[in-house]
Amino acid sequence: MIAFILAKKILSLFLMMAMGVILVKSKGIKVEDSRSISLISLYLITPCAIFSAFQMAYTPQILKGLILAAAAAIILHIIMIILTKLLEKPMKLDAVEKASIIYSNAGNLIIPIVTAIFGKEWVIYSAGYLSVQTILLWSHGRMTVCGEKKVDVRKIFMNINILAAVAGLVCFILGAMLPAPMLDAVDSVGTMIGPSAMIVTGVLIGSMDFQKIFSYRRLWFVSVLRLIIYPLIGVAFLKFSGITGLVPEGATILMITLLAMTTPSASTVTQMAQVYGKDADYASAINVVTTLCCIFTMPLMVTLYQM
């Protein structure tokens, strides 16, 4: 049942993406215009969605579940980073491929998906994965793409999404709730996260040359690793490690972690590739293909987890 609901939600997001394709194909918007939407999503919509997730009454049970989700996210990222390092030489993985395999597009997709499947009260557990990935993406991920060996700690912890998570967690623990009008505003902006991300993706897809996309011979190999091989490892770890029994509702909490792990490759990798002079077209092609294929792979992984 959950896999079916997930497939319907992903299909809904795909229809939003199709709207973006239509916009750019009909000349209603230029591909450069999508940058403004991306910036609004990055600096306003996503932080509002993350902070809003913490606006609920504090209970020790919720805090334990959040800690479990974060711990599982740390372990899963360590597994993916180590495995990618082992595959780097024999598979001749380049910087874009390594980052695209490890880091998912959870920041844009997981909150609307969790809201649709489980309800808003469960979104708080997605913050565990998002916080861990954001820290690693702007440290390990950035170093992987640009080839640097120095971590800019200030840039990591001044990231607006990390600040939103920290502020939200503090408010949650202290029981501090925003006034109703302010909370309604933050909630309303946060609900735009799915549509804004998919419309931008649609605009980018509509402007791309699909003949060029499919000219990348290693594209399918990278996509299989990102959508099937690594998620299967995640399913095996979460299902058979026994950690689901550490807290009440642990199986559901860790399903949210699994969903975050199984989303397509991170669109942030494309942005980093543009900034640091790597193959941004290839990174974008990986993002597009994994986004198109996830409607089949994500429900499959959820089904395997539930068996």
C-alpha atoms as a PDB file:
ATOM      1  CA  MET A   1       0.000   0.000   0.000  1.00  0.00           C
ATOM      2  CA  ILE A   2       2.788   2.463   0.922  1.00  0.00           C
ATOM      3  CA  ALA A   3       4.631   1.654  -2.304  1.00  0.00           C
ATOM      4  CA  PHE A   4       1.436   2.426  -4.253  1.00  0.00           C
ATOM      5  CA  ILE A   5       0.933   5.763  -2.455  1.00  0.00           C
ATOM      6  CA  LEU A   6       4.604   6.564  -3.078  1.00  0.00           C
ATOM      7  CA  ALA A   7       4.269   5.821  -6.794  1.00  0.00           C
ATOM      8  CA  LYS A   8       1.211   8.118  -6.997  1.00  0.00           C
ATOM      9  CA  LYS A   9       3.050  10.939  -5.218  1.00  0.00           C
ATOM     10  CA  ILE A  10       6.108  10.589  -7.448  1.00  0.00           C
ATOM     11  CA  LEU A  11       3.816  10.613 -10.490  1.00  0.00           C
ATOM     12  CA  SER A  12       2.260  13.822  -9.161  1.00  0.00           C
ATOM     13  CA  LEU A  13       5.722  15.359  -8.838  1.00  0.00           C
ATOM     14  CA  PHE A  14       6.516  14.228 -12.372  1.00  0.00           C
ATOM     15  CA  LEU A  15       3.451  16.049 -13.673  1.00  0.00           C
ATOM     16  CA  MET A  16       4.782  19.199 -11.985  1.00  0.00           C
ATOM     17  CA  MET A  17       8.072  18.563 -13.766  1.00  0.00           C
ATOM     18  CA  ALA A  18       6.180  18.264 -17.057  1.00  0.00           C
ATOM     19  CA  MET A  19       4.753  21.746 -16.414  1.00  0.00           C
ATOM     20  CA  GLY A  20       8.311  23.063 -16.280  1.00  0.00           C
ATOM     21  CA  VAL A  21       9.120  21.328 -19.573  1.00  0.00           C
ATOM     22  CA  ILE A  22       6.035  22.890 -21.189  1.00  0.00           C
ATOM     23  CA  LEU A  23       6.972  26.332 -19.836  1.00  0.00           C
ATOM     24  CA  VAL A  24      10.421  26.300 -21.421  1.00  0.00           C
ATOM     25  CA  LYS A  25       9.304  24.608 -24.666  1.00  0.00           C
ATOM     26  CA  SER A  26       6.536  27.183 -25.146  1.00  0.00           C
ATOM     27  CA  LYS A  27       9.064  29.997 -24.594  1.00  0.00           C
ATOM     28  CA  GLY A  28       7.121  31.107 -21.520  1.00  0.00           C
ATOM     29  CA  ILE A  29      10.331  31.012 -19.485  1.00  0.00           C
ATOM     30  CA  LYS A  30      14.045  30.850 -20.279  1.00  0.00           C
ATOM     31  CA  VAL A  31      16.305  28.270 -18.692  1.00  0.00           C
ATOM     32  CA  GLU A  32      18.299  31.099 -17.058  1.00  0.00           C
ATOM     33  CA  ASP A  33      15.138  32.161 -15.218  1.00  0.00           C
ATOM     34  CA  SER A  34      15.107  28.874 -13.300  1.00  0.00           C
ATOM     35  CA  ARG A  35      18.132  30.086 -11.330  1.00  0.00           C
ATOM     36  CA  SER A  36      15.933  32.604  -9.521  1.00  0.00           C
ATOM     37  CA  ILE A  37      13.477  29.870  -8.541  1.00  0.00           C
ATOM     38  CA  SER A  38      16.383  27.679  -7.390  1.00  0.00           C
ATOM     39  CA  LEU A  39      17.732  30.462  -5.195  1.00  0.00           C
ATOM     40  CA  ILE A  40      14.306  31.068  -3.635  1.00  0.00           C
ATOM     41  CA  SER A  41      13.971  27.341  -3.009  1.00  0.00           C
ATOM     42  CA  LEU A  42      17.458  27.065  -1.495  1.00  0.00           C
ATOM     43  CA  TYR A  43      17.393  30.140   0.726  1.00  0.00           C
ATOM     44  CA  LEU A  44      13.715  30.364   1.663  1.00  0.00           C
ATOM     45  CA  ILE A  45      11.454  27.415   0.822  1.00  0.00           C
ATOM     46  CA  THR A  46      13.681  24.552   2.027  1.00  0.00           C
ATOM     47  CA  PRO A  47      14.671  26.247   5.328  1.00  0.00           C
ATOM     48  CA  CYS A  48      10.989  26.985   6.009  1.00  0.00           C
ATOM     49  CA  ALA A  49      10.086  23.337   5.333  1.00  0.00           C
ATOM     50  CA  ILE A  50      12.848  22.075   7.642  1.00  0.00           C
ATOM     51  CA  PHE A  51      12.057  24.519  10.465  1.00  0.00           C
ATOM     52  CA  SER A  52       8.322  23.847  10.173  1.00  0.00           C
ATOM     53  CA  ALA A  53       8.933  20.116  10.660  1.00  0.00           C
ATOM     54  CA  PHE A  54      10.169  20.792  14.210  1.00  0.00           C
ATOM     55  CA  GLN A  55       7.118  22.840  15.204  1.00  0.00           C
ATOM     56  CA  MET A  56       5.434  20.216  17.350  1.00  0.00           C
ATOM     57  CA  ALA A  57       5.111  19.328  21.016  1.00  0.00           C
ATOM     58  CA  TYR A  58       8.304  17.851  22.485  1.00  0.00           C
ATOM     59  CA  THR A  59       8.319  14.222  23.607  1.00  0.00           C
ATOM     60  CA  PRO A  60      11.359  12.067  24.502  1.00  0.00           C
ATOM     61  CA  GLN A  61      10.053   9.449  22.041  1.00  0.00           C
ATOM     62  CA  ILE A  62      10.229  11.853  19.093  1.00  0.00           C
ATOM     63  CA  LEU A  63      13.742  12.960  20.090  1.00  0.00           C
ATOM     64  CA  LYS A  64      14.897   9.327  20.290  1.00  0.00           C
ATOM     65  CA  GLY A  65      13.412   8.675  16.852  1.00  0.00           C
ATOM     66  CA  LEU A  66      15.198  11.718  15.434  1.00  0.00           C
ATOM     67  CA  ILE A  67      18.506  10.541  16.924  1.00  0.00           C
ATOM     68  CA  LEU A  68      17.937   7.090  15.397  1.00  0.00           C
ATOM     69  CA  ALA A  69      17.241   8.627  11.975  1.00  0.00           C
ATOM     70  CA  ALA A  70      20.411  10.754  12.168  1.00  0.00           C
ATOM     71  CA  ALA A  71      22.547   7.806  13.345  1.00  0.00           C
ATOM     72  CA  ALA A  72      21.247   5.611  10.506  1.00  0.00           C
ATOM     73  CA  ALA A  73      21.957   8.421   8.024  1.00  0.00           C
ATOM     74  CA  ILE A  74      25.549   8.718   9.282  1.00  0.00           C
ATOM     75  CA  ILE A  75      26.133   4.957   8.955  1.00  0.00           C
ATOM     76  CA  LEU A  76      24.582   4.807   5.474  1.00  0.00           C
ATOM     77  CA  HIS A  77      26.699   7.722   4.242  1.00  0.00           C
ATOM     78  CA  ILE A  78      29.856   6.131   5.660  1.00  0.00           C
ATOM     79  CA  ILE A  79      29.001   2.897   3.818  1.00  0.00           C
ATOM     80  CA  MET A  80      28.410   4.760   0.550  1.00  0.00           C
ATOM     81  CA  ILE A  81      31.589   6.835   0.868  1.00  0.00           C
ATOM     82  CA  ILE A  82      33.750   3.774   1.634  1.00  0.00           C
ATOM     83  CA  LEU A  83      32.186   1.687  -1.132  1.00  0.00           C
ATOM     84  CA  THR A  84      32.630   4.504  -3.658  1.00  0.00           C
ATOM     85  CA  LYS A  85      36.274   4.829  -2.627  1.00  0.00           C
ATOM     86  CA  LEU A  86      36.763   1.088  -3.202  1.00  0.00           C
ATOM     87  CA  LEU A  87      35.100   1.320  -6.633  1.00  0.00           C
ATOM     88  CA  GLU A  88      36.933   4.479  -7.671  1.00  0.00           C
ATOM     89  CA  LYS A  89      40.003   2.897  -9.274  1.00  0.00           C
ATOM     90  CA  PRO A  90      38.592  -0.357 -10.724  1.00  0.00           C
ATOM     91  CA  MET A  91      35.537   1.465 -12.140  1.00  0.00           C
ATOM     92  CA  LYS A  92      37.494   4.632 -13.040  1.00  0.00           C
ATOM     93  CA  LEU A  93      34.922   6.886 -11.379  1.00  0.00           C
ATOM     94  CA  ASP A  94      35.433  10.606 -11.960  1.00  0.00           C
ATOM     95  CA  ALA A  95      34.566  13.396  -9.504  1.00  0.00           C
ATOM     96  CA  VAL A  96      31.058  14.004 -10.872  1.00  0.00           C
ATOM     97  CA  GLU A  97      30.209  10.292 -10.852  1.00  0.00           C
ATOM     98  CA  LYS A  98      31.404   9.792  -7.268  1.00  0.00           C
ATOM     99  CA  ALA A  99      29.413  12.722  -5.907  1.00  0.00           C
ATOM    100  CA  SER A 100      26.307  11.792  -7.929  1.00  0.00           C
ATOM    101  CA  ILE A 101      26.395   8.207  -6.637  1.00  0.00           C
ATOM    102  CA  ILE A 102      26.766   9.136  -2.957  1.00  0.00           C
ATOM    103  CA  TYR A 103      24.505  12.174  -2.595  1.00  0.00           C
ATOM    104  CA  SER A 104      20.770  12.124  -3.220  1.00  0.00           C
ATOM    105  CA  ASN A 105      18.187  14.773  -4.038  1.00  0.00           C
ATOM    106  CA  ALA A 106      16.486  14.212  -0.682  1.00  0.00           C
ATOM    107  CA  GLY A 107      16.513  17.931   0.091  1.00  0.00           C
ATOM    108  CA  ASN A 108      14.004  18.614  -2.673  1.00  0.00           C
ATOM    109  CA  LEU A 109      11.898  15.453  -2.641  1.00  0.00           C
ATOM    110  CA  ILE A 110      11.749  13.789   0.763  1.00  0.00           C
ATOM    111  CA  ILE A 111       9.576  16.333   2.615  1.00  0.00           C
ATOM    112  CA  PRO A 112       6.647  16.333   0.119  1.00  0.00           C
ATOM    113  CA  ILE A 113       6.878  12.539  -0.201  1.00  0.00           C
ATOM    114  CA  VAL A 114       6.855  11.941   3.573  1.00  0.00           C
ATOM    115  CA  THR A 115       4.005  14.421   4.024  1.00  0.00           C
ATOM    116  CA  ALA A 116       1.924  12.632   1.387  1.00  0.00           C
ATOM    117  CA  ILE A 117       2.590   9.113   2.701  1.00  0.00           C
ATOM    118  CA  PHE A 118       2.784   9.469   6.490  1.00  0.00           C
ATOM    119  CA  GLY A 119       1.514  12.965   7.300  1.00  0.00           C
ATOM    120  CA  LYS A 120       3.210  16.202   8.386  1.00  0.00           C
ATOM    121  CA  GLU A 121       3.927  14.924  11.909  1.00  0.00           C
ATOM    122  CA  TRP A 122       6.464  12.454  10.460  1.00  0.00           C
ATOM    123  CA  VAL A 123       8.439  15.036   8.484  1.00  0.00           C
ATOM    124  CA  ILE A 124      10.618  15.768  11.525  1.00  0.00           C
ATOM    125  CA  TYR A 125      12.376  12.409  11.048  1.00  0.00           C
ATOM    126  CA  SER A 126      13.490  13.391   7.548  1.00  0.00           C
ATOM    127  CA  ALA A 127      15.548  16.163   9.191  1.00  0.00           C
ATOM    128  CA  GLY A 128      17.966  13.494  10.455  1.00  0.00           C
ATOM    129  CA  TYR A 129      19.031  12.472   6.950  1.00  0.00           C
ATOM    130  CA  LEU A 130      18.858  16.004   5.529  1.00  0.00           C
ATOM    131  CA  SER A 131      21.108  17.457   8.247  1.00  0.00           C
ATOM    132  CA  VAL A 132      23.716  14.699   7.897  1.00  0.00           C
ATOM    133  CA  GLN A 133      23.742  14.916   4.106  1.00  0.00           C
ATOM    134  CA  THR A 134      23.934  18.725   4.055  1.00  0.00           C
ATOM    135  CA  ILE A 135      27.024  18.689   6.292  1.00  0.00           C
ATOM    136  CA  LEU A 136      28.711  15.957   4.243  1.00  0.00           C
ATOM    137  CA  LEU A 137      27.667  17.415   0.884  1.00  0.00           C
ATOM    138  CA  TRP A 138      29.308  20.759   1.660  1.00  0.00           C
ATOM    139  CA  SER A 139      32.435  19.135   3.076  1.00  0.00           C
ATOM    140  CA  HIS A 140      33.217  15.729   1.550  1.00  0.00           C
ATOM    141  CA  GLY A 141      30.991  16.291  -1.496  1.00  0.00           C
ATOM    142  CA  ARG A 142      32.462  19.705  -2.265  1.00  0.00           C
ATOM    143  CA  MET A 143      36.032  18.387  -1.881  1.00  0.00           C
ATOM    144  CA  THR A 144      35.188  15.440  -4.134  1.00  0.00           C
ATOM    145  CA  VAL A 145      33.903  17.673  -6.931  1.00  0.00           C
ATOM    146  CA  CYS A 146      36.451  20.494  -6.761  1.00  0.00           C
ATOM    147  CA  GLY A 147      39.454  18.387  -5.757  1.00  0.00           C
ATOM    148  CA  GLU A 148      40.321  20.442  -2.664  1.00  0.00           C
ATOM    149  CA  LYS A 149      41.514  18.838   0.565  1.00  0.00           C
ATOM    150  CA  LYS A 150      40.556  21.613   3.002  1.00  0.00           C
ATOM    151  CA  VAL A 151      37.168  21.724   4.732  1.00  0.00           C
ATOM    152  CA  ASP A 152      35.559  25.150   5.121  1.00  0.00           C
ATOM    153  CA  VAL A 153      33.830  24.601   8.491  1.00  0.00           C
ATOM    154  CA  ARG A 154      32.286  28.070   8.500  1.00  0.00           C
ATOM    155  CA  LYS A 155      30.622  27.485   5.137  1.00  0.00           C
ATOM    156  CA  ILE A 156      29.136  24.192   6.381  1.00  0.00           C
ATOM    157  CA  PHE A 157      27.631  25.466   9.617  1.00  0.00           C
ATOM    158  CA  MET A 158      26.515  28.782   8.160  1.00  0.00           C
ATOM    159  CA  ASN A 159      24.499  26.896   5.540  1.00  0.00           C
ATOM    160  CA  ILE A 160      20.927  28.185   5.803  1.00  0.00           C
ATOM    161  CA  ASN A 161      19.457  24.677   5.907  1.00  0.00           C
ATOM    162  CA  ILE A 162      21.726  23.621   8.785  1.00  0.00           C
ATOM    163  CA  LEU A 163      20.829  26.818  10.639  1.00  0.00           C
ATOM    164  CA  ALA A 164      17.130  26.079  10.076  1.00  0.00           C
ATOM    165  CA  ALA A 165      17.555  22.545  11.442  1.00  0.00           C
ATOM    166  CA  VAL A 166      19.462  23.755  14.508  1.00  0.00           C
ATOM    167  CA  ALA A 167      16.933  26.536  15.193  1.00  0.00           C
ATOM    168  CA  GLY A 168      14.075  24.078  14.722  1.00  0.00           C
ATOM    169  CA  LEU A 169      15.656  21.512  17.053  1.00  0.00           C
ATOM    170  CA  VAL A 170      16.234  24.133  19.761  1.00  0.00           C
ATOM    171  CA  CYS A 171      12.627  25.319  19.505  1.00  0.00           C
ATOM    172  CA  PHE A 172      11.427  21.699  19.611  1.00  0.00           C
ATOM    173  CA  ILE A 173      13.406  20.850  22.758  1.00  0.00           C
ATOM    174  CA  LEU A 174      12.409  24.096  24.500  1.00  0.00           C
ATOM    175  CA  GLY A 175       8.775  23.751  23.443  1.00  0.00           C
ATOM    176  CA  ALA A 176       8.882  27.149  21.703  1.00  0.00           C
ATOM    177  CA  MET A 177       6.113  27.488  19.096  1.00  0.00           C
ATOM    178  CA  LEU A 178       5.799  30.326  16.601  1.00  0.00           C
ATOM    179  CA  PRO A 179       2.699  32.541  16.824  1.00  0.00           C
ATOM    180  CA  ALA A 180      -0.129  31.164  14.655  1.00  0.00           C
ATOM    181  CA  PRO A 181       0.110  33.721  11.794  1.00  0.00           C
ATOM    182  CA  MET A 182       3.903  33.303  11.568  1.00  0.00           C
ATOM    183  CA  LEU A 183       3.684  29.500  11.702  1.00  0.00           C
ATOM    184  CA  ASP A 184       1.027  29.525   8.981  1.00  0.00           C
ATOM    185  CA  ALA A 185       3.304  31.653   6.779  1.00  0.00           C
ATOM    186  CA  VAL A 186       6.317  29.360   7.347  1.00  0.00           C
ATOM    187  CA  ASP A 187       4.176  26.239   6.737  1.00  0.00           C
ATOM    188  CA  SER A 188       2.702  27.665   3.544  1.00  0.00           C
ATOM    189  CA  VAL A 189       6.100  28.585   2.114  1.00  0.00           C
ATOM    190  CA  GLY A 190       7.518  25.197   3.114  1.00  0.00           C
ATOM    191  CA  THR A 191       4.815  23.311   1.207  1.00  0.00           C
ATOM    192  CA  MET A 192       6.184  24.820  -2.020  1.00  0.00           C
ATOM    193  CA  ILE A 193       9.343  22.691  -1.798  1.00  0.00           C
ATOM    194  CA  GLY A 194       8.136  19.859  -4.047  1.00  0.00           C
ATOM    195  CA  PRO A 195       6.512  21.954  -6.809  1.00  0.00           C
ATOM    196  CA  SER A 196       9.384  24.464  -6.999  1.00  0.00           C
ATOM    197  CA  ALA A 197      12.049  21.737  -7.233  1.00  0.00           C
ATOM    198  CA  MET A 198      10.203  19.742  -9.888  1.00  0.00           C
ATOM    199  CA  ILE A 199       9.343  22.792 -12.010  1.00  0.00           C
ATOM    200  CA  VAL A 200      13.009  23.815 -12.041  1.00  0.00           C
ATOM    201  CA  THR A 201      13.988  20.241 -12.981  1.00  0.00           C
ATOM    202  CA  GLY A 202      11.387  20.344 -15.782  1.00  0.00           C
ATOM    203  CA  VAL A 203      12.784  23.633 -17.095  1.00  0.00           C
ATOM    204  CA  LEU A 204      16.287  22.124 -17.150  1.00  0.00           C
ATOM    205  CA  ILE A 205      15.055  18.947 -18.876  1.00  0.00           C
ATOM    206  CA  GLY A 206      13.130  20.981 -21.454  1.00  0.00           C
ATOM    207  CA  SER A 207      16.303  22.847 -22.391  1.00  0.00           C
ATOM    208  CA  MET A 208      18.493  19.764 -22.716  1.00  0.00           C
ATOM    209  CA  ASP A 209      19.513  17.854 -25.815  1.00  0.00           C
ATOM    210  CA  PHE A 210      18.399  14.268 -25.135  1.00  0.00           C
ATOM    211  CA  GLN A 211      20.661  12.974 -27.873  1.00  0.00           C
ATOM    212  CA  LYS A 212      23.584  14.374 -25.899  1.00  0.00           C
ATOM    213  CA  ILE A 213      22.235  12.907 -22.641  1.00  0.00           C
ATOM    214  CA  PHE A 214      22.210   9.386 -24.019  1.00  0.00           C
ATOM    215  CA  SER A 215      25.651   9.822 -25.578  1.00  0.00           C
ATOM    216  CA  TYR A 216      27.168   9.414 -22.103  1.00  0.00           C
ATOM    217  CA  ARG A 217      28.024   5.715 -22.129  1.00  0.00           C
ATOM    218  CA  ARG A 218      28.556   5.391 -18.365  1.00  0.00           C
ATOM    219  CA  LEU A 219      25.302   7.157 -17.516  1.00  0.00           C
ATOM    220  CA  TRP A 220      23.330   3.946 -16.962  1.00  0.00           C
ATOM    221  CA  PHE A 221      26.079   2.368 -14.869  1.00  0.00           C
ATOM    222  CA  VAL A 222      26.105   5.382 -12.536  1.00  0.00           C
ATOM    223  CA  SER A 223      22.288   5.443 -12.419  1.00  0.00           C
ATOM    224  CA  VAL A 224      22.121   1.760 -11.450  1.00  0.00           C
ATOM    225  CA  LEU A 225      24.547   2.357  -8.594  1.00  0.00           C
ATOM    226  CA  ARG A 226      22.588   5.416  -7.362  1.00  0.00           C
ATOM    227  CA  LEU A 227      19.081   3.958  -7.692  1.00  0.00           C
ATOM    228  CA  ILE A 228      19.500   0.207  -7.214  1.00  0.00           C
ATOM    229  CA  ILE A 229      22.826  -1.056  -5.822  1.00  0.00           C
ATOM    230  CA  TYR A 230      23.310   1.444  -3.003  1.00  0.00           C
ATOM    231  CA  PRO A 231      19.609   1.446  -2.006  1.00  0.00           C
ATOM    232  CA  LEU A 232      19.678  -2.374  -1.869  1.00  0.00           C
ATOM    233  CA  ILE A 233      22.591  -2.121   0.560  1.00  0.00           C
ATOM    234  CA  GLY A 234      20.534   0.386   2.544  1.00  0.00           C
ATOM    235  CA  VAL A 235      17.532  -1.947   2.610  1.00  0.00           C
ATOM    236  CA  ALA A 236      19.703  -4.831   3.826  1.00  0.00           C
ATOM    237  CA  PHE A 237      21.309  -2.753   6.578  1.00  0.00           C
ATOM    238  CA  LEU A 238      18.089  -1.167   7.864  1.00  0.00           C
ATOM    239  CA  LYS A 239      16.099  -4.381   7.639  1.00  0.00           C
ATOM    240  CA  PHE A 240      18.539  -6.879   9.124  1.00  0.00           C
ATOM    241  CA  SER A 241      20.741  -4.856  11.501  1.00  0.00           C
ATOM    242  CA  GLY A 242      18.098  -4.877  14.218  1.00  0.00           C
ATOM    243  CA  ILE A 243      18.143  -1.109  14.750  1.00  0.00           C
ATOM    244  CA  THR A 244      14.451  -0.789  13.872  1.00  0.00           C
ATOM    245  CA  GLY A 245      13.670  -2.171  17.338  1.00  0.00           C
ATOM    246  CA  LEU A 246      15.636   0.478  19.216  1.00  0.00           C
ATOM    247  CA  VAL A 247      12.722   2.919  19.416  1.00  0.00           C
ATOM    248  CA  PRO A 248       8.935   2.662  19.025  1.00  0.00           C
ATOM    249  CA  GLU A 249       7.865   3.003  15.380  1.00  0.00           C
ATOM    250  CA  GLY A 250      11.500   2.441  14.429  1.00  0.00           C
ATOM    251  CA  ALA A 251      10.597   0.605  11.216  1.00  0.00           C
ATOM    252  CA  THR A 252       8.583   3.573   9.945  1.00  0.00           C
ATOM    253  CA  ILE A 253      11.206   6.127  11.003  1.00  0.00           C
ATOM    254  CA  LEU A 254      13.910   4.210   9.147  1.00  0.00           C
ATOM    255  CA  MET A 255      11.659   3.836   6.097  1.00  0.00           C
ATOM    256  CA  ILE A 256      11.801   7.630   5.893  1.00  0.00           C
ATOM    257  CA  THR A 257      15.603   7.410   6.029  1.00  0.00           C
ATOM    258  CA  LEU A 258      15.497   4.788   3.260  1.00  0.00           C
ATOM    259  CA  LEU A 259      13.245   6.997   1.126  1.00  0.00           C
ATOM    260  CA  ALA A 260      15.729   9.857   1.484  1.00  0.00           C
ATOM    261  CA  MET A 261      18.570   7.562   0.448  1.00  0.00           C
ATOM    262  CA  THR A 262      16.747   6.251  -2.647  1.00  0.00           C
ATOM    263  CA  THR A 263      15.926   9.621  -4.230  1.00  0.00           C
ATOM    264  CA  PRO A 264      17.729  10.621  -7.480  1.00  0.00           C
ATOM    265  CA  SER A 265      21.208  12.120  -7.584  1.00  0.00           C
ATOM    266  CA  ALA A 266      21.574  15.526  -5.932  1.00  0.00           C
ATOM    267  CA  SER A 267      20.939  18.548  -8.135  1.00  0.00           C
ATOM    268  CA  THR A 268      23.507  20.357  -5.946  1.00  0.00           C
ATOM    269  CA  VAL A 269      26.219  18.254  -7.624  1.00  0.00           C
ATOM    270  CA  THR A 270      25.328  19.903 -10.940  1.00  0.00           C
ATOM    271  CA  GLN A 271      25.604  23.349  -9.350  1.00  0.00           C
ATOM    272  CA  MET A 272      28.991  22.462  -7.830  1.00  0.00           C
ATOM    273  CA  ALA A 273      30.211  21.115 -11.172  1.00  0.00           C
ATOM    274  CA  GLN A 274      29.295  24.434 -12.805  1.00  0.00           C
ATOM    275  CA  VAL A 275      31.105  26.445 -10.136  1.00  0.00           C
ATOM    276  CA  TYR A 276      34.290  24.333 -10.109  1.00  0.00           C
ATOM    277  CA  GLY A 277      34.609  23.791 -13.858  1.00  0.00           C
ATOM    278  CA  LYS A 278      33.752  20.094 -13.943  1.00  0.00           C
ATOM    279  CA  ASP A 279      31.432  18.382 -16.446  1.00  0.00           C
ATOM    280  CA  ALA A 280      28.163  20.088 -15.429  1.00  0.00           C
ATOM    281  CA  ASP A 281      26.319  18.698 -18.482  1.00  0.00           C
ATOM    282  CA  TYR A 282      27.169  15.147 -17.406  1.00  0.00           C
ATOM    283  CA  ALA A 283      26.107  15.853 -13.810  1.00  0.00           C
ATOM    284  CA  SER A 284      22.833  17.282 -15.090  1.00  0.00           C
ATOM    285  CA  ALA A 285      22.287  14.235 -17.330  1.00  0.00           C
ATOM    286  CA  ILE A 286      22.745  11.913 -14.331  1.00  0.00           C
ATOM    287  CA  ASN A 287      20.255  13.990 -12.346  1.00  0.00           C
ATOM    288  CA  VAL A 288      17.684  13.903 -15.178  1.00  0.00           C
ATOM    289  CA  VAL A 289      17.912  10.165 -15.855  1.00  0.00           C
ATOM    290  CA  THR A 290      17.839   9.173 -12.177  1.00  0.00           C
ATOM    291  CA  THR A 291      14.866  11.497 -11.667  1.00  0.00           C
ATOM    292  CA  LEU A 292      12.978   9.865 -14.542  1.00  0.00           C
ATOM    293  CA  CYS A 293      13.783   6.345 -13.321  1.00  0.00           C
ATOM    294  CA  CYS A 294      13.046   6.823  -9.613  1.00  0.00           C
ATOM    295  CA  ILE A 295       9.285   6.411 -10.154  1.00  0.00           C
ATOM    296  CA  PHE A 296      10.034   2.694 -10.572  1.00  0.00           C
ATOM    297  CA  THR A 297      13.002   2.175  -8.236  1.00  0.00           C
ATOM    298  CA  MET A 298      11.763   3.976  -5.107  1.00  0.00           C
ATOM    299  CA  PRO A 299       8.517   1.951  -4.750  1.00  0.00           C
ATOM    300  CA  LEU A 300      10.557  -1.211  -5.425  1.00  0.00           C
ATOM    301  CA  MET A 301      12.944  -0.469  -2.539  1.00  0.00           C
ATOM    302  CA  VAL A 302      10.056   0.297  -0.175  1.00  0.00           C
ATOM    303  CA  THR A 303       8.398  -2.981  -1.132  1.00  0.00           C
ATOM    304  CA  LEU A 304      11.612  -4.924  -0.437  1.00  0.00           C
ATOM    305  CA  TYR A 305      12.005  -3.157   2.909  1.00  0.00           C
ATOM    306  CA  GLN A 306       8.462  -4.115   3.933  1.00  0.00           C
ATOM    307  CA  MET A 307       8.736  -7.786   2.913  1.00  0.00           C
END
